[in-house]
C-alpha atoms as a PDB file:
ATOM      1  CA  MET A   1       1.255 158.951 115.459  1.00  0.00           C
ATOM      2  CA  GLY A   2      -0.359 156.913 118.662  1.00  0.00           C
ATOM      3  CA  ASN A   3      -0.240 153.462 116.946  1.00  0.00           C
ATOM      4  CA  ASP A   4      -1.806 151.735 119.913  1.00  0.00           C
ATOM      5  CA  GLU A   5      -4.824 154.133 120.002  1.00  0.00           C
ATOM      6  CA  ILE A   6      -5.220 153.841 116.029  1.00  0.00           C
ATOM      7  CA  ARG A   7      -5.390 150.091 116.470  1.00  0.00           C
ATOM      8  CA  LYS A   8      -7.957 150.333 119.117  1.00  0.00           C
ATOM      9  CA  LEU A   9     -10.081 152.899 117.045  1.00  0.00           C
ATOM     10  CA  TYR A  10      -9.531 150.710 113.888  1.00  0.00           C
ATOM     11  CA  GLY A  11     -11.034 147.648 115.883  1.00  0.00           C
ATOM     12  CA  GLN A  12     -13.926 149.614 117.213  1.00  0.00           C
ATOM     13  CA  LEU A  13     -14.883 150.565 113.606  1.00  0.00           C
ATOM     14  CA  LYS A  14     -14.659 146.608 112.872  1.00  0.00           C
ATOM     15  CA  GLY A  15     -16.970 146.024 115.509  1.00  0.00           C
ATOM     16  CA  LEU A  16     -19.489 148.921 114.580  1.00  0.00           C
ATOM     17  CA  ARG A  17     -19.317 147.217 110.926  1.00  0.00           C
ATOM     18  CA  GLU A  18     -20.426 143.860 112.501  1.00  0.00           C
ATOM     19  CA  LEU A  19     -23.150 145.672 114.534  1.00  0.00           C
ATOM     20  CA  VAL A  20     -24.423 147.483 111.267  1.00  0.00           C
ATOM     21  CA  ASN A  21     -24.359 144.148 109.144  1.00  0.00           C
ATOM     22  CA  SER A  22     -26.636 142.135 111.832  1.00  0.00           C
ATOM     23  CA  LEU A  23     -29.125 144.631 112.487  1.00  0.00           C
ATOM     24  CA  GLU A  24     -31.875 146.463 110.261  1.00  0.00           C
ATOM     25  CA  PHE A  25     -32.103 149.608 112.395  1.00  0.00           C
ATOM     26  CA  ILE A  26     -29.538 151.175 114.420  1.00  0.00           C
ATOM     27  CA  SER A  27     -29.783 153.825 117.169  1.00  0.00           C
ATOM     28  CA  LEU A  28     -28.420 157.457 117.002  1.00  0.00           C
ATOM     29  CA  THR A  29     -26.015 156.656 119.683  1.00  0.00           C
ATOM     30  CA  THR A  30     -24.496 153.975 117.363  1.00  0.00           C
ATOM     31  CA  VAL A  31     -24.231 156.659 114.684  1.00  0.00           C
ATOM     32  CA  GLN A  32     -22.275 159.182 117.331  1.00  0.00           C
ATOM     33  CA  ASP A  33     -19.879 156.469 118.287  1.00  0.00           C
ATOM     34  CA  TYR A  34     -18.983 156.126 114.726  1.00  0.00           C
ATOM     35  CA  ASN A  35     -18.637 159.865 114.194  1.00  0.00           C
ATOM     36  CA  ASP A  36     -16.585 160.089 117.370  1.00  0.00           C
ATOM     37  CA  VAL A  37     -14.210 157.493 115.733  1.00  0.00           C
ATOM     38  CA  VAL A  38     -13.800 159.412 112.951  1.00  0.00           C
ATOM     39  CA  THR A  39     -12.949 162.459 114.735  1.00  0.00           C
ATOM     40  CA  ALA A  40     -10.482 160.744 116.998  1.00  0.00           C
ATOM     41  CA  LEU A  41      -8.468 159.244 114.075  1.00  0.00           C
ATOM     42  CA  SER A  42      -8.507 162.539 112.205  1.00  0.00           C
ATOM     43  CA  GLY A  43      -6.916 164.139 115.439  1.00  0.00           C
ATOM     44  CA  ILE A  44      -4.198 161.216 115.651  1.00  0.00           C
ATOM     45  CA  MET A  45      -3.279 160.691 112.161  1.00  0.00           C
ATOM     46  CA  LYS A  46      -3.605 164.505 111.446  1.00  0.00           C
ATOM     47  CA  LYS A  47      -5.803 163.969 108.462  1.00  0.00           C
ATOM     48  CA  ASP A  48      -9.253 165.242 107.376  1.00  0.00           C
ATOM     49  CA  PHE A  49     -11.711 162.429 107.667  1.00  0.00           C
ATOM     50  CA  SER A  50     -14.739 164.636 107.874  1.00  0.00           C
ATOM     51  CA  MET A  51     -15.957 163.451 104.568  1.00  0.00           C
ATOM     52  CA  PHE A  52     -16.429 160.126 106.163  1.00  0.00           C
ATOM     53  CA  SER A  53     -18.640 161.505 108.905  1.00  0.00           C
ATOM     54  CA  TYR A  54     -22.667 160.906 108.886  1.00  0.00           C
ATOM     55  CA  THR A  55     -25.437 163.164 109.989  1.00  0.00           C
ATOM     56  CA  PRO A  56     -28.888 161.352 109.362  1.00  0.00           C
ATOM     57  CA  ARG A  57     -31.612 163.961 107.849  1.00  0.00           C
ATOM     58  CA  PRO A  58     -34.315 164.524 110.063  1.00  0.00           C
ATOM     59  CA  GLY A  59     -36.903 162.762 107.502  1.00  0.00           C
ATOM     60  CA  ILE A  60     -35.154 159.313 107.725  1.00  0.00           C
ATOM     61  CA  ILE A  61     -35.054 159.255 111.611  1.00  0.00           C
ATOM     62  CA  MET A  62     -37.468 156.615 112.852  1.00  0.00           C
ATOM     63  CA  SER A  63     -39.379 157.125 116.208  1.00  0.00           C
ATOM     64  CA  GLY A  64     -36.915 159.854 117.075  1.00  0.00           C
ATOM     65  CA  THR A  65     -33.917 157.352 118.031  1.00  0.00           C
ATOM     66  CA  GLU A  66     -33.451 154.906 115.055  1.00  0.00           C
ATOM     67  CA  ILE A  67     -32.254 154.730 111.415  1.00  0.00           C
ATOM     68  CA  GLN A  68     -31.977 151.992 108.817  1.00  0.00           C
ATOM     69  CA  SER A  69     -28.573 150.538 109.325  1.00  0.00           C
ATOM     70  CA  TYR A  70     -27.582 150.651 105.627  1.00  0.00           C
ATOM     71  CA  ARG A  71     -27.528 154.338 105.478  1.00  0.00           C
ATOM     72  CA  LEU A  72     -24.548 154.366 108.023  1.00  0.00           C
ATOM     73  CA  LYS A  73     -23.027 151.335 106.206  1.00  0.00           C
ATOM     74  CA  GLU A  74     -22.306 153.118 103.192  1.00  0.00           C
ATOM     75  CA  LYS A  75     -19.998 155.462 104.914  1.00  0.00           C
ATOM     76  CA  LEU A  76     -18.337 152.888 107.296  1.00  0.00           C
ATOM     77  CA  VAL A  77     -17.445 150.789 104.244  1.00  0.00           C
ATOM     78  CA  GLN A  78     -15.933 153.799 102.560  1.00  0.00           C
ATOM     79  CA  PHE A  79     -13.946 154.729 105.613  1.00  0.00           C
ATOM     80  CA  LEU A  80     -12.816 151.332 106.303  1.00  0.00           C
ATOM     81  CA  SER A  81     -11.505 151.232 102.722  1.00  0.00           C
ATOM     82  CA  SER A  82      -9.801 154.271 102.909  1.00  0.00           C
ATOM     83  CA  LEU A  83      -7.784 153.297 105.789  1.00  0.00           C
ATOM     84  CA  GLU A  84      -6.991 149.732 104.653  1.00  0.00           C
ATOM     85  CA  TYR A  85      -5.886 150.726 101.087  1.00  0.00           C
ATOM     86  CA  GLY A  86      -4.699 154.213 101.782  1.00  0.00           C
ATOM     87  CA  TYR A  87      -2.962 154.067 104.908  1.00  0.00           C
ATOM     88  CA  ASN A  88      -2.074 150.458 105.135  1.00  0.00           C
ATOM     89  CA  LEU A  89      -4.462 149.957 108.386  1.00  0.00           C
ATOM     90  CA  SER A  90      -5.671 146.506 108.257  1.00  0.00           C
ATOM     91  CA  GLU A  91      -6.440 143.491 110.435  1.00  0.00           C
ATOM     92  CA  SER A  92      -3.131 142.032 110.173  1.00  0.00           C
ATOM     93  CA  VAL A  93      -1.729 145.375 111.977  1.00  0.00           C
ATOM     94  CA  VAL A  94      -4.271 144.867 114.480  1.00  0.00           C
ATOM     95  CA  GLU A  95      -3.531 141.508 115.142  1.00  0.00           C
ATOM     96  CA  ILE A  96       0.281 142.256 115.677  1.00  0.00           C
ATOM     97  CA  GLY A  97      -0.658 144.543 118.601  1.00  0.00           C
ATOM     98  CA  SER A  98      -0.575 141.912 121.274  1.00  0.00           C
ATOM     99  CA  VAL A  99       3.164 140.781 120.385  1.00  0.00           C
ATOM    100  CA  TYR A 100       4.088 144.369 119.976  1.00  0.00           C
ATOM    101  CA  ASN A 101       2.823 145.401 123.364  1.00  0.00           C
ATOM    102  CA  SER A 102       4.777 142.568 125.063  1.00  0.00           C
ATOM    103  CA  ILE A 103       8.120 144.333 123.817  1.00  0.00           C
ATOM    104  CA  LYS A 104       9.331 146.295 127.012  1.00  0.00           C
ATOM    105  CA  ASP A 105      12.296 148.231 125.841  1.00  0.00           C
ATOM    106  CA  LYS A 106      11.532 151.854 125.416  1.00  0.00           C
ATOM    107  CA  GLU A 107      14.280 152.471 122.966  1.00  0.00           C
ATOM    108  CA  LEU A 108      13.588 149.526 120.672  1.00  0.00           C
ATOM    109  CA  LYS A 109       9.839 150.465 120.723  1.00  0.00           C
ATOM    110  CA  GLU A 110      10.690 154.286 119.684  1.00  0.00           C
ATOM    111  CA  ARG A 111      12.897 153.066 116.933  1.00  0.00           C
ATOM    112  CA  CYS A 112      10.868 150.493 115.444  1.00  0.00           C
ATOM    113  CA  SER A 113       7.338 151.426 116.076  1.00  0.00           C
ATOM    114  CA  ASP A 114       6.548 153.674 113.334  1.00  0.00           C
ATOM    115  CA  ILE A 115       8.264 151.365 110.493  1.00  0.00           C
ATOM    116  CA  LEU A 116       6.490 148.255 111.693  1.00  0.00           C
ATOM    117  CA  THR A 117       3.239 149.969 110.609  1.00  0.00           C
ATOM    118  CA  ALA A 118       4.529 151.067 107.188  1.00  0.00           C
ATOM    119  CA  PRO A 119       3.369 149.480 104.020  1.00  0.00           C
ATOM    120  CA  GLY A 120       6.750 147.542 103.644  1.00  0.00           C
ATOM    121  CA  ASN A 121      10.580 147.627 103.446  1.00  0.00           C
ATOM    122  CA  PHE A 122      10.695 145.870 106.805  1.00  0.00           C
ATOM    123  CA  ASP A 123      14.133 145.124 106.672  1.00  0.00           C
ATOM    124  CA  ARG A 124      14.500 148.524 108.197  1.00  0.00           C
ATOM    125  CA  VAL A 125      12.839 147.473 111.306  1.00  0.00           C
ATOM    126  CA  ILE A 126      15.498 144.710 111.547  1.00  0.00           C
ATOM    127  CA  ASN A 127      18.003 147.305 110.818  1.00  0.00           C
ATOM    128  CA  GLN A 128      17.076 149.628 113.621  1.00  0.00           C
ATOM    129  CA  ALA A 129      16.465 146.701 116.280  1.00  0.00           C
ATOM    130  CA  THR A 130      19.844 145.257 115.561  1.00  0.00           C
ATOM    131  CA  LEU A 131      21.238 148.698 115.928  1.00  0.00           C
ATOM    132  CA  VAL A 132      19.935 149.081 119.378  1.00  0.00           C
ATOM    133  CA  LEU A 133      21.149 145.885 120.137  1.00  0.00           C
ATOM    134  CA  GLU A 134      24.594 146.593 119.150  1.00  0.00           C
ATOM    135  CA  ASN A 135      24.646 149.990 120.724  1.00  0.00           C
ATOM    136  CA  ARG A 136      23.386 148.554 124.236  1.00  0.00           C
ATOM    137  CA  ILE A 137      26.150 145.918 124.023  1.00  0.00           C
ATOM    138  CA  ARG A 138      28.791 148.355 123.211  1.00  0.00           C
ATOM    139  CA  THR A 139      27.525 150.981 125.792  1.00  0.00           C
ATOM    140  CA  LYS A 140      27.291 148.329 128.873  1.00  0.00           C
ATOM    141  CA  SER A 141      30.785 146.771 127.805  1.00  0.00           C
ATOM    142  CA  LYS A 142      32.469 150.118 127.135  1.00  0.00           C
ATOM    143  CA  SER A 143      33.799 149.018 123.945  1.00  0.00           C
ATOM    144  CA  GLY A 144      34.827 151.319 121.313  1.00  0.00           C
ATOM    145  CA  ARG A 145      32.934 152.477 118.274  1.00  0.00           C
ATOM    146  CA  THR A 146      35.137 150.817 115.846  1.00  0.00           C
ATOM    147  CA  LEU A 147      34.008 147.426 117.081  1.00  0.00           C
ATOM    148  CA  ILE A 148      30.728 146.382 115.091  1.00  0.00           C
ATOM    149  CA  GLY A 149      28.736 143.224 114.627  1.00  0.00           C
ATOM    150  CA  THR A 150      30.236 139.890 115.249  1.00  0.00           C
ATOM    151  CA  ASN A 151      33.379 141.460 116.338  1.00  0.00           C
ATOM    152  CA  LEU A 152      31.853 143.481 119.113  1.00  0.00           C
ATOM    153  CA  VAL A 153      30.184 140.361 120.391  1.00  0.00           C
ATOM    154  CA  ASN A 154      33.368 138.334 120.122  1.00  0.00           C
ATOM    155  CA  THR A 155      34.918 141.133 122.388  1.00  0.00           C
ATOM    156  CA  ALA A 156      32.237 141.678 124.693  1.00  0.00           C
ATOM    157  CA  ILE A 157      30.519 138.420 125.273  1.00  0.00           C
ATOM    158  CA  LYS A 158      32.835 135.685 125.358  1.00  0.00           C
ATOM    159  CA  THR A 159      31.837 131.975 125.707  1.00  0.00           C
ATOM    160  CA  ASP A 160      34.216 131.584 128.536  1.00  0.00           C
ATOM    161  CA  ALA A 161      32.636 133.913 131.212  1.00  0.00           C
ATOM    162  CA  SER A 162      36.107 134.233 133.123  1.00  0.00           C
ATOM    163  CA  LYS A 163      37.224 135.944 129.662  1.00  0.00           C
ATOM    164  CA  SER A 164      34.265 137.911 129.143  1.00  0.00           C
ATOM    165  CA  ILE A 165      33.667 141.546 129.760  1.00  0.00           C
ATOM    166  CA  LEU A 166      29.967 140.936 130.074  1.00  0.00           C
ATOM    167  CA  VAL A 167      28.804 137.760 131.964  1.00  0.00           C
ATOM    168  CA  VAL A 168      25.260 136.812 131.357  1.00  0.00           C
ATOM    169  CA  SER A 169      25.363 133.620 133.326  1.00  0.00           C
ATOM    170  CA  LYS A 170      27.336 132.001 135.998  1.00  0.00           C
ATOM    171  CA  ASP A 171      26.735 128.379 134.365  1.00  0.00           C
ATOM    172  CA  LYS A 172      29.217 128.011 131.680  1.00  0.00           C
ATOM    173  CA  ASP A 173      27.042 126.149 129.131  1.00  0.00           C
ATOM    174  CA  GLU A 174      24.460 128.992 129.372  1.00  0.00           C
ATOM    175  CA  GLN A 175      27.211 131.688 128.992  1.00  0.00           C
ATOM    176  CA  SER A 176      28.525 129.723 125.951  1.00  0.00           C
ATOM    177  CA  GLY A 177      25.031 129.216 124.503  1.00  0.00           C
ATOM    178  CA  ILE A 178      23.940 132.743 124.883  1.00  0.00           C
ATOM    179  CA  ALA A 179      27.134 134.239 123.450  1.00  0.00           C
ATOM    180  CA  ASP A 180      26.587 131.994 120.480  1.00  0.00           C
ATOM    181  CA  ILE A 181      23.015 133.426 120.165  1.00  0.00           C
ATOM    182  CA  TYR A 182      24.358 137.092 120.010  1.00  0.00           C
ATOM    183  CA  ARG A 183      26.747 136.082 117.441  1.00  0.00           C
ATOM    184  CA  GLY A 184      24.147 134.475 115.404  1.00  0.00           C
ATOM    185  CA  MET A 185      21.843 137.321 115.499  1.00  0.00           C
ATOM    186  CA  MET A 186      24.720 139.726 114.353  1.00  0.00           C
ATOM    187  CA  SER A 187      25.474 137.309 111.332  1.00  0.00           C
ATOM    188  CA  ALA A 188      21.976 136.309 110.537  1.00  0.00           C
ATOM    189  CA  TYR A 189      20.169 139.537 110.938  1.00  0.00           C
ATOM    190  CA  ARG A 190      22.357 142.575 111.667  1.00  0.00           C
ATOM    191  CA  ASN A 191      24.906 142.269 108.858  1.00  0.00           C
ATOM    192  CA  ILE A 192      22.291 141.542 105.923  1.00  0.00           C
ATOM    193  CA  THR A 193      20.145 144.522 106.838  1.00  0.00           C
ATOM    194  CA  HIS A 194      22.936 146.931 107.472  1.00  0.00           C
ATOM    195  CA  HIS A 195      24.861 146.221 104.260  1.00  0.00           C
ATOM    196  CA  THR A 196      22.199 145.391 101.552  1.00  0.00           C
ATOM    197  CA  ILE A 197      18.488 146.213 100.978  1.00  0.00           C
ATOM    198  CA  THR A 198      16.265 143.221 100.907  1.00  0.00           C
ATOM    199  CA  ASP A 199      12.434 142.658 100.724  1.00  0.00           C
ATOM    200  CA  GLN A 200      12.483 139.031 102.233  1.00  0.00           C
ATOM    201  CA  TYR A 201      11.016 140.080 105.568  1.00  0.00           C
ATOM    202  CA  THR A 202       7.321 140.342 106.234  1.00  0.00           C
ATOM    203  CA  ARG A 203       5.807 142.708 109.107  1.00  0.00           C
ATOM    204  CA  GLU A 204       5.193 139.483 111.001  1.00  0.00           C
ATOM    205  CA  ASP A 205       9.018 138.463 110.558  1.00  0.00           C
ATOM    206  CA  ALA A 206       9.932 142.095 111.498  1.00  0.00           C
ATOM    207  CA  LEU A 207       7.954 141.853 114.644  1.00  0.00           C
ATOM    208  CA  LYS A 208       9.101 138.418 115.700  1.00  0.00           C
ATOM    209  CA  VAL A 209      12.825 139.704 115.333  1.00  0.00           C
ATOM    210  CA  CYS A 210      12.089 142.705 117.385  1.00  0.00           C
ATOM    211  CA  ALA A 211      10.543 140.627 120.238  1.00  0.00           C
ATOM    212  CA  PHE A 212      13.470 138.430 120.364  1.00  0.00           C
ATOM    213  CA  ILE A 213      15.739 141.239 120.441  1.00  0.00           C
ATOM    214  CA  ASP A 214      13.784 142.655 123.312  1.00  0.00           C
ATOM    215  CA  ASN A 215      14.577 139.647 125.435  1.00  0.00           C
ATOM    216  CA  LEU A 216      18.172 139.917 124.192  1.00  0.00           C
ATOM    217  CA  LEU A 217      18.432 143.552 125.548  1.00  0.00           C
ATOM    218  CA  GLN A 218      16.984 142.610 128.852  1.00  0.00           C
ATOM    219  CA  ILE A 219      19.749 140.023 129.189  1.00  0.00           C
ATOM    220  CA  ILE A 220      22.280 142.614 128.452  1.00  0.00           C
ATOM    221  CA  ASP A 221      20.844 144.966 130.910  1.00  0.00           C
ATOM    222  CA  LYS A 222      20.972 142.267 133.687  1.00  0.00           C
ATOM    223  CA  SER A 223      24.520 141.097 132.803  1.00  0.00           C
ATOM    224  CA  VAL A 224      27.389 141.719 135.108  1.00  0.00           C
ATOM    225  CA  VAL A 225      30.416 143.798 133.742  1.00  0.00           C
ATOM    226  CA  GLN A 226      33.919 142.406 134.768  1.00  0.00           C
ATOM    227  CA  LYS A 227      37.651 143.041 133.715  1.00  0.00           C
ATOM    228  CA  PRO A 228      38.527 139.905 131.864  1.00  0.00           C
END
């Protein structure tokens, strides 16, 4: 599902609603814009939304180019309600778009984008995001599959750079601090979402963790591999 495009189209619907609410009469071009959004969302979401399309009857068209705005509003409100309550598409989903779009790591996006727009169970997002991080550390450090979580970090990213497989900074304090961050991420987020089911995370919580992990992935990608 094209989540970015869905958010854009949802935003367009919200804009059309504001326009319809502010005018007594609207042009047929506005009606066509609305129908175009209905058609586009039907295609992207693989759903038949044709019942929400609106075709003005010839008798209600005024001066050949306008209709009373309330006639389109009825369909528009129904469609928005269907999207928000039936498909969990809401303003909050649109608002997280800017943070989501800041995430650069392709693998992280591919594994988390669909579950970020789900109705709930956002511990799954953190599960997948920390899995990507763990796998990236393991792959870059060429560590064995038996090493997981904090044990993996303790082996691959040591506080003492001279003994570390992955060197993330030449500054000893920065190397130590970043190593602690990776350990903390595994202890605080990876472990709980890999071994238990929890509903303590909101969509916004999950997105913030994803954005932070995106930064941690960039650090791993730029790290230097050495034989300790």
